[in-house]
Amino acid sequence: MAATVVKMTKQELKEIIESTVEKKLLQLLRDPDRGLVLKKALKDRLLRQRKAVAVGERGESLTTIVRRLGLN
């Protein structure tokens, strides 16, 4: 639309702003990894890490981190 803001109705301006905000939000919130293929080696590594964390071999609990950082 090549009209100036002065010549626009409130509704036209509102629609332009809404459209612009919606486009920007979609751009910012989209998944940048969408459509990419997760390689088997990486998937296997992530599953091993998840299991290690679940049995306490890796990582710290949230409670431990909160206590250590004095956030409680």
PDB file of N, CA and C in Angstrom:
ATOM      1  N   MET A   1       0.853  -1.174   0.000  1.00  0.00           N
ATOM      2  CA  MET A   1       0.000   0.000   0.000  1.00  0.00           C
ATOM      3  C   MET A   1       0.899   1.238   0.000  1.00  0.00           C
ATOM      4  N   ALA A   2       0.735   2.095  -0.939  1.00  0.00           N
ATOM      5  CA  ALA A   2       1.596   3.257  -1.103  1.00  0.00           C
ATOM      6  C   ALA A   2       0.988   4.521  -0.515  1.00  0.00           C
ATOM      7  N   ALA A   3      -0.032   4.403   0.328  1.00  0.00           N
ATOM      8  CA  ALA A   3      -0.678   5.583   0.912  1.00  0.00           C
ATOM      9  C   ALA A   3       0.149   6.107   2.070  1.00  0.00           C
ATOM     10  N   THR A   4       0.028   7.390   2.320  1.00  0.00           N
ATOM     11  CA  THR A   4       0.704   7.966   3.477  1.00  0.00           C
ATOM     12  C   THR A   4      -0.162   7.739   4.707  1.00  0.00           C
ATOM     13  N   VAL A   5       0.466   7.805   5.868  1.00  0.00           N
ATOM     14  CA  VAL A   5      -0.255   7.564   7.110  1.00  0.00           C
ATOM     15  C   VAL A   5      -1.382   8.583   7.296  1.00  0.00           C
ATOM     16  N   VAL A   6      -1.161   9.786   6.885  1.00  0.00           N
ATOM     17  CA  VAL A   6      -2.167  10.840   7.038  1.00  0.00           C
ATOM     18  C   VAL A   6      -3.449  10.485   6.293  1.00  0.00           C
ATOM     19  N   LYS A   7      -3.332   9.825   5.163  1.00  0.00           N
ATOM     20  CA  LYS A   7      -4.498   9.495   4.349  1.00  0.00           C
ATOM     21  C   LYS A   7      -5.160   8.175   4.755  1.00  0.00           C
ATOM     22  N   MET A   8      -4.559   7.445   5.682  1.00  0.00           N
ATOM     23  CA  MET A   8      -5.100   6.149   6.096  1.00  0.00           C
ATOM     24  C   MET A   8      -6.176   6.322   7.157  1.00  0.00           C
ATOM     25  N   THR A   9      -7.106   5.377   7.139  1.00  0.00           N
ATOM     26  CA  THR A   9      -8.082   5.330   8.227  1.00  0.00           C
ATOM     27  C   THR A   9      -7.402   4.634   9.411  1.00  0.00           C
ATOM     28  N   LYS A  10      -8.003   4.764  10.571  1.00  0.00           N
ATOM     29  CA  LYS A  10      -7.460   4.072  11.754  1.00  0.00           C
ATOM     30  C   LYS A  10      -7.417   2.567  11.518  1.00  0.00           C
ATOM     31  N   GLN A  11      -8.433   2.049  10.875  1.00  0.00           N
ATOM     32  CA  GLN A  11      -8.516   0.611  10.622  1.00  0.00           C
ATOM     33  C   GLN A  11      -7.395   0.155   9.682  1.00  0.00           C
ATOM     34  N   GLU A  12      -7.116   0.930   8.638  1.00  0.00           N
ATOM     35  CA  GLU A  12      -6.040   0.583   7.706  1.00  0.00           C
ATOM     36  C   GLU A  12      -4.682   0.575   8.412  1.00  0.00           C
ATOM     37  N   LEU A  13      -4.440   1.581   9.241  1.00  0.00           N
ATOM     38  CA  LEU A  13      -3.188   1.651   9.984  1.00  0.00           C
ATOM     39  C   LEU A  13      -3.079   0.478  10.953  1.00  0.00           C
ATOM     40  N   LYS A  14      -4.173   0.178  11.623  1.00  0.00           N
ATOM     41  CA  LYS A  14      -4.205  -0.946  12.560  1.00  0.00           C
ATOM     42  C   LYS A  14      -3.870  -2.259  11.839  1.00  0.00           C
ATOM     43  N   GLU A  15      -4.443  -2.478  10.666  1.00  0.00           N
ATOM     44  CA  GLU A  15      -4.197  -3.703   9.898  1.00  0.00           C
ATOM     45  C   GLU A  15      -2.735  -3.813   9.465  1.00  0.00           C
ATOM     46  N   ILE A  16      -2.145  -2.689   9.066  1.00  0.00           N
ATOM     47  CA  ILE A  16      -0.740  -2.691   8.656  1.00  0.00           C
ATOM     48  C   ILE A  16       0.152  -3.032   9.851  1.00  0.00           C
ATOM     49  N   ILE A  17      -0.144  -2.423  10.996  1.00  0.00           N
ATOM     50  CA  ILE A  17       0.658  -2.686  12.193  1.00  0.00           C
ATOM     51  C   ILE A  17       0.511  -4.146  12.620  1.00  0.00           C
ATOM     52  N   GLU A  18      -0.709  -4.653  12.648  1.00  0.00           N
ATOM     53  CA  GLU A  18      -0.946  -6.043  13.033  1.00  0.00           C
ATOM     54  C   GLU A  18      -0.217  -7.001  12.098  1.00  0.00           C
ATOM     55  N   SER A  19      -0.275  -6.741  10.822  1.00  0.00           N
ATOM     56  CA  SER A  19       0.391  -7.588   9.836  1.00  0.00           C
ATOM     57  C   SER A  19       1.904  -7.574  10.040  1.00  0.00           C
ATOM     58  N   THR A  20       2.446  -6.396  10.273  1.00  0.00           N
ATOM     59  CA  THR A  20       3.888  -6.261  10.476  1.00  0.00           C
ATOM     60  C   THR A  20       4.341  -6.977  11.739  1.00  0.00           C
ATOM     61  N   VAL A  21       3.602  -6.801  12.813  1.00  0.00           N
ATOM     62  CA  VAL A  21       3.945  -7.451  14.078  1.00  0.00           C
ATOM     63  C   VAL A  21       3.853  -8.971  13.934  1.00  0.00           C
ATOM     64  N   GLU A  22       2.802  -9.442  13.287  1.00  0.00           N
ATOM     65  CA  GLU A  22       2.632 -10.885  13.093  1.00  0.00           C
ATOM     66  C   GLU A  22       3.788 -11.469  12.278  1.00  0.00           C
ATOM     67  N   LYS A  23       4.170 -10.812  11.196  1.00  0.00           N
ATOM     68  CA  LYS A  23       5.288 -11.285  10.374  1.00  0.00           C
ATOM     69  C   LYS A  23       6.575 -11.344  11.183  1.00  0.00           C
ATOM     70  N   LYS A  24       6.833 -10.320  11.976  1.00  0.00           N
ATOM     71  CA  LYS A  24       8.056 -10.269  12.777  1.00  0.00           C
ATOM     72  C   LYS A  24       8.056 -11.361  13.834  1.00  0.00           C
ATOM     73  N   LEU A  25       6.919 -11.572  14.503  1.00  0.00           N
ATOM     74  CA  LEU A  25       6.838 -12.627  15.507  1.00  0.00           C
ATOM     75  C   LEU A  25       7.066 -14.002  14.896  1.00  0.00           C
ATOM     76  N   LEU A  26       6.474 -14.241  13.753  1.00  0.00           N
ATOM     77  CA  LEU A  26       6.682 -15.520  13.079  1.00  0.00           C
ATOM     78  C   LEU A  26       8.147 -15.705  12.699  1.00  0.00           C
ATOM     79  N   GLN A  27       8.789 -14.638  12.286  1.00  0.00           N
ATOM     80  CA  GLN A  27      10.200 -14.688  11.928  1.00  0.00           C
ATOM     81  C   GLN A  27      11.056 -14.985  13.154  1.00  0.00           C
ATOM     82  N   LEU A  28      10.760 -14.361  14.272  1.00  0.00           N
ATOM     83  CA  LEU A  28      11.568 -14.525  15.481  1.00  0.00           C
ATOM     84  C   LEU A  28      11.317 -15.853  16.190  1.00  0.00           C
ATOM     85  N   LEU A  29      10.097 -16.356  16.128  1.00  0.00           N
ATOM     86  CA  LEU A  29       9.727 -17.539  16.896  1.00  0.00           C
ATOM     87  C   LEU A  29       9.759 -18.840  16.105  1.00  0.00           C
ATOM     88  N   ARG A  30      10.103 -18.767  14.851  1.00  0.00           N
ATOM     89  CA  ARG A  30      10.112 -19.992  14.046  1.00  0.00           C
ATOM     90  C   ARG A  30      11.235 -20.912  14.501  1.00  0.00           C
ATOM     91  N   ASP A  31      11.129 -22.172  14.177  1.00  0.00           N
ATOM     92  CA  ASP A  31      12.137 -23.163  14.546  1.00  0.00           C
ATOM     93  C   ASP A  31      13.216 -23.186  13.471  1.00  0.00           C
ATOM     94  N   PRO A  32      14.427 -22.715  13.779  1.00  0.00           N
ATOM     95  CA  PRO A  32      15.482 -22.663  12.757  1.00  0.00           C
ATOM     96  C   PRO A  32      15.954 -24.048  12.323  1.00  0.00           C
ATOM     97  N   ASP A  33      15.651 -25.083  13.112  1.00  0.00           N
ATOM     98  CA  ASP A  33      16.086 -26.434  12.776  1.00  0.00           C
ATOM     99  C   ASP A  33      15.012 -27.246  12.057  1.00  0.00           C
ATOM    100  N   ARG A  34      13.881 -26.629  11.811  1.00  0.00           N
ATOM    101  CA  ARG A  34      12.780 -27.342  11.160  1.00  0.00           C
ATOM    102  C   ARG A  34      13.220 -27.847   9.794  1.00  0.00           C
ATOM    103  N   GLY A  35      12.947 -29.109   9.549  1.00  0.00           N
ATOM    104  CA  GLY A  35      13.282 -29.709   8.267  1.00  0.00           C
ATOM    105  C   GLY A  35      14.664 -30.347   8.227  1.00  0.00           C
ATOM    106  N   LEU A  36      15.496 -30.083   9.229  1.00  0.00           N
ATOM    107  CA  LEU A  36      16.818 -30.691   9.263  1.00  0.00           C
ATOM    108  C   LEU A  36      16.710 -32.114   9.797  1.00  0.00           C
ATOM    109  N   VAL A  37      17.600 -32.964   9.348  1.00  0.00           N
ATOM    110  CA  VAL A  37      17.591 -34.364   9.765  1.00  0.00           C
ATOM    111  C   VAL A  37      18.598 -34.547  10.903  1.00  0.00           C
ATOM    112  N   LEU A  38      18.154 -35.224  11.959  1.00  0.00           N
ATOM    113  CA  LEU A  38      19.020 -35.523  13.089  1.00  0.00           C
ATOM    114  C   LEU A  38      19.803 -36.797  12.761  1.00  0.00           C
ATOM    115  N   LYS A  39      21.124 -36.672  12.702  1.00  0.00           N
ATOM    116  CA  LYS A  39      21.952 -37.821  12.361  1.00  0.00           C
ATOM    117  C   LYS A  39      21.878 -38.864  13.470  1.00  0.00           C
ATOM    118  N   LYS A  40      21.987 -40.131  13.076  1.00  0.00           N
ATOM    119  CA  LYS A  40      21.877 -41.238  14.024  1.00  0.00           C
ATOM    120  C   LYS A  40      22.905 -41.126  15.134  1.00  0.00           C
ATOM    121  N   ALA A  41      24.128 -40.762  14.815  1.00  0.00           N
ATOM    122  CA  ALA A  41      25.179 -40.662  15.829  1.00  0.00           C
ATOM    123  C   ALA A  41      24.820 -39.635  16.899  1.00  0.00           C
ATOM    124  N   LEU A  42      24.279 -38.492  16.484  1.00  0.00           N
ATOM    125  CA  LEU A  42      23.896 -37.467  17.448  1.00  0.00           C
ATOM    126  C   LEU A  42      22.708 -37.927  18.280  1.00  0.00           C
ATOM    127  N   LYS A  43      21.743 -38.556  17.638  1.00  0.00           N
ATOM    128  CA  LYS A  43      20.576 -39.055  18.358  1.00  0.00           C
ATOM    129  C   LYS A  43      21.000 -40.069  19.414  1.00  0.00           C
ATOM    130  N   ASP A  44      21.885 -40.981  19.050  1.00  0.00           N
ATOM    131  CA  ASP A  44      22.374 -41.989  19.997  1.00  0.00           C
ATOM    132  C   ASP A  44      23.098 -41.332  21.171  1.00  0.00           C
ATOM    133  N   ARG A  45      23.914 -40.318  20.879  1.00  0.00           N
ATOM    134  CA  ARG A  45      24.649 -39.614  21.936  1.00  0.00           C
ATOM    135  C   ARG A  45      23.693 -38.922  22.901  1.00  0.00           C
ATOM    136  N   LEU A  46      22.668 -38.267  22.364  1.00  0.00           N
ATOM    137  CA  LEU A  46      21.689 -37.590  23.214  1.00  0.00           C
ATOM    138  C   LEU A  46      20.926 -38.581  24.093  1.00  0.00           C
ATOM    139  N   LEU A  47      20.600 -39.730  23.532  1.00  0.00           N
ATOM    140  CA  LEU A  47      19.907 -40.760  24.320  1.00  0.00           C
ATOM    141  C   LEU A  47      20.799 -41.294  25.438  1.00  0.00           C
ATOM    142  N   ARG A  48      22.094 -41.492  25.149  1.00  0.00           N
ATOM    143  CA  ARG A  48      23.036 -41.940  26.189  1.00  0.00           C
ATOM    144  C   ARG A  48      23.152 -40.900  27.302  1.00  0.00           C
ATOM    145  N   GLN A  49      23.222 -39.632  26.919  1.00  0.00           N
ATOM    146  CA  GLN A  49      23.317 -38.571  27.918  1.00  0.00           C
ATOM    147  C   GLN A  49      22.054 -38.508  28.776  1.00  0.00           C
ATOM    148  N   ARG A  50      20.908 -38.664  28.155  1.00  0.00           N
ATOM    149  CA  ARG A  50      19.648 -38.638  28.899  1.00  0.00           C
ATOM    150  C   ARG A  50      19.614 -39.761  29.931  1.00  0.00           C
ATOM    151  N   LYS A  51      20.045 -40.969  29.516  1.00  0.00           N
ATOM    152  CA  LYS A  51      20.072 -42.101  30.442  1.00  0.00           C
ATOM    153  C   LYS A  51      21.065 -41.855  31.571  1.00  0.00           C
ATOM    154  N   ALA A  52      22.223 -41.295  31.263  1.00  0.00           N
ATOM    155  CA  ALA A  52      23.239 -41.020  32.282  1.00  0.00           C
ATOM    156  C   ALA A  52      22.716 -40.014  33.308  1.00  0.00           C
ATOM    157  N   VAL A  53      22.017 -39.014  32.858  1.00  0.00           N
ATOM    158  CA  VAL A  53      21.438 -38.026  33.773  1.00  0.00           C
ATOM    159  C   VAL A  53      20.355 -38.679  34.631  1.00  0.00           C
ATOM    160  N   ALA A  54      19.540 -39.527  34.026  1.00  0.00           N
ATOM    161  CA  ALA A  54      18.431 -40.163  34.744  1.00  0.00           C
ATOM    162  C   ALA A  54      18.917 -41.041  35.889  1.00  0.00           C
ATOM    163  N   VAL A  55      20.063 -41.684  35.722  1.00  0.00           N
ATOM    164  CA  VAL A  55      20.570 -42.566  36.783  1.00  0.00           C
ATOM    165  C   VAL A  55      21.592 -41.871  37.673  1.00  0.00           C
ATOM    166  N   GLY A  56      21.782 -40.560  37.471  1.00  0.00           N
ATOM    167  CA  GLY A  56      22.654 -39.786  38.340  1.00  0.00           C
ATOM    168  C   GLY A  56      24.127 -39.830  37.999  1.00  0.00           C
ATOM    169  N   GLU A  57      24.476 -40.358  36.843  1.00  0.00           N
ATOM    170  CA  GLU A  57      25.883 -40.426  36.446  1.00  0.00           C
ATOM    171  C   GLU A  57      26.391 -39.109  35.877  1.00  0.00           C
ATOM    172  N   ARG A  58      25.474 -38.243  35.522  1.00  0.00           N
ATOM    173  CA  ARG A  58      25.849 -36.998  34.861  1.00  0.00           C
ATOM    174  C   ARG A  58      24.871 -35.903  35.269  1.00  0.00           C
ATOM    175  N   GLY A  59      25.378 -34.697  35.411  1.00  0.00           N
ATOM    176  CA  GLY A  59      24.509 -33.564  35.698  1.00  0.00           C
ATOM    177  C   GLY A  59      24.221 -33.404  37.176  1.00  0.00           C
ATOM    178  N   GLU A  60      23.577 -32.299  37.503  1.00  0.00           N
ATOM    179  CA  GLU A  60      23.176 -31.989  38.873  1.00  0.00           C
ATOM    180  C   GLU A  60      21.675 -31.745  38.898  1.00  0.00           C
ATOM    181  N   SER A  61      21.082 -32.060  40.024  1.00  0.00           N
ATOM    182  CA  SER A  61      19.649 -31.805  40.151  1.00  0.00           C
ATOM    183  C   SER A  61      19.418 -30.300  40.297  1.00  0.00           C
ATOM    184  N   LEU A  62      18.244 -29.871  39.955  1.00  0.00           N
ATOM    185  CA  LEU A  62      17.898 -28.460  40.083  1.00  0.00           C
ATOM    186  C   LEU A  62      18.001 -28.023  41.538  1.00  0.00           C
ATOM    187  N   THR A  63      17.594 -28.882  42.453  1.00  0.00           N
ATOM    188  CA  THR A  63      17.670 -28.569  43.881  1.00  0.00           C
ATOM    189  C   THR A  63      19.112 -28.297  44.306  1.00  0.00           C
ATOM    190  N   THR A  64      20.032 -29.119  43.834  1.00  0.00           N
ATOM    191  CA  THR A  64      21.446 -28.951  44.166  1.00  0.00           C
ATOM    192  C   THR A  64      21.982 -27.633  43.617  1.00  0.00           C
ATOM    193  N   ILE A  65      21.628 -27.314  42.392  1.00  0.00           N
ATOM    194  CA  ILE A  65      22.103 -26.072  41.771  1.00  0.00           C
ATOM    195  C   ILE A  65      21.540 -24.859  42.497  1.00  0.00           C
ATOM    196  N   VAL A  66      20.269 -24.897  42.844  1.00  0.00           N
ATOM    197  CA  VAL A  66      19.634 -23.789  43.558  1.00  0.00           C
ATOM    198  C   VAL A  66      20.338 -23.581  44.897  1.00  0.00           C
ATOM    199  N   ARG A  67      20.590 -24.673  45.616  1.00  0.00           N
ATOM    200  CA  ARG A  67      21.253 -24.581  46.913  1.00  0.00           C
ATOM    201  C   ARG A  67      22.672 -24.037  46.758  1.00  0.00           C
ATOM    202  N   ARG A  68      23.420 -24.556  45.767  1.00  0.00           N
ATOM    203  CA  ARG A  68      24.803 -24.141  45.544  1.00  0.00           C
ATOM    204  C   ARG A  68      24.894 -22.649  45.196  1.00  0.00           C
ATOM    205  N   LEU A  69      23.946 -22.160  44.415  1.00  0.00           N
ATOM    206  CA  LEU A  69      23.959 -20.758  44.003  1.00  0.00           C
ATOM    207  C   LEU A  69      23.271 -19.842  45.011  1.00  0.00           C
ATOM    208  N   GLY A  70      22.715 -20.420  46.062  1.00  0.00           N
ATOM    209  CA  GLY A  70      22.042 -19.608  47.071  1.00  0.00           C
ATOM    210  C   GLY A  70      20.769 -18.956  46.575  1.00  0.00           C
ATOM    211  N   LEU A  71      20.047 -19.629  45.712  1.00  0.00           N
ATOM    212  CA  LEU A  71      18.827 -19.057  45.115  1.00  0.00           C
ATOM    213  C   LEU A  71      17.569 -19.432  45.855  1.00  0.00           C
ATOM    214  N   ASN A  72      17.679 -20.169  46.960  1.00  0.00           N
ATOM    215  CA  ASN A  72      16.474 -20.614  47.673  1.00  0.00           C
ATOM    216  C   ASN A  72      15.963 -19.595  48.633  1.00  0.00           C
TER     217      ASN A  72
END
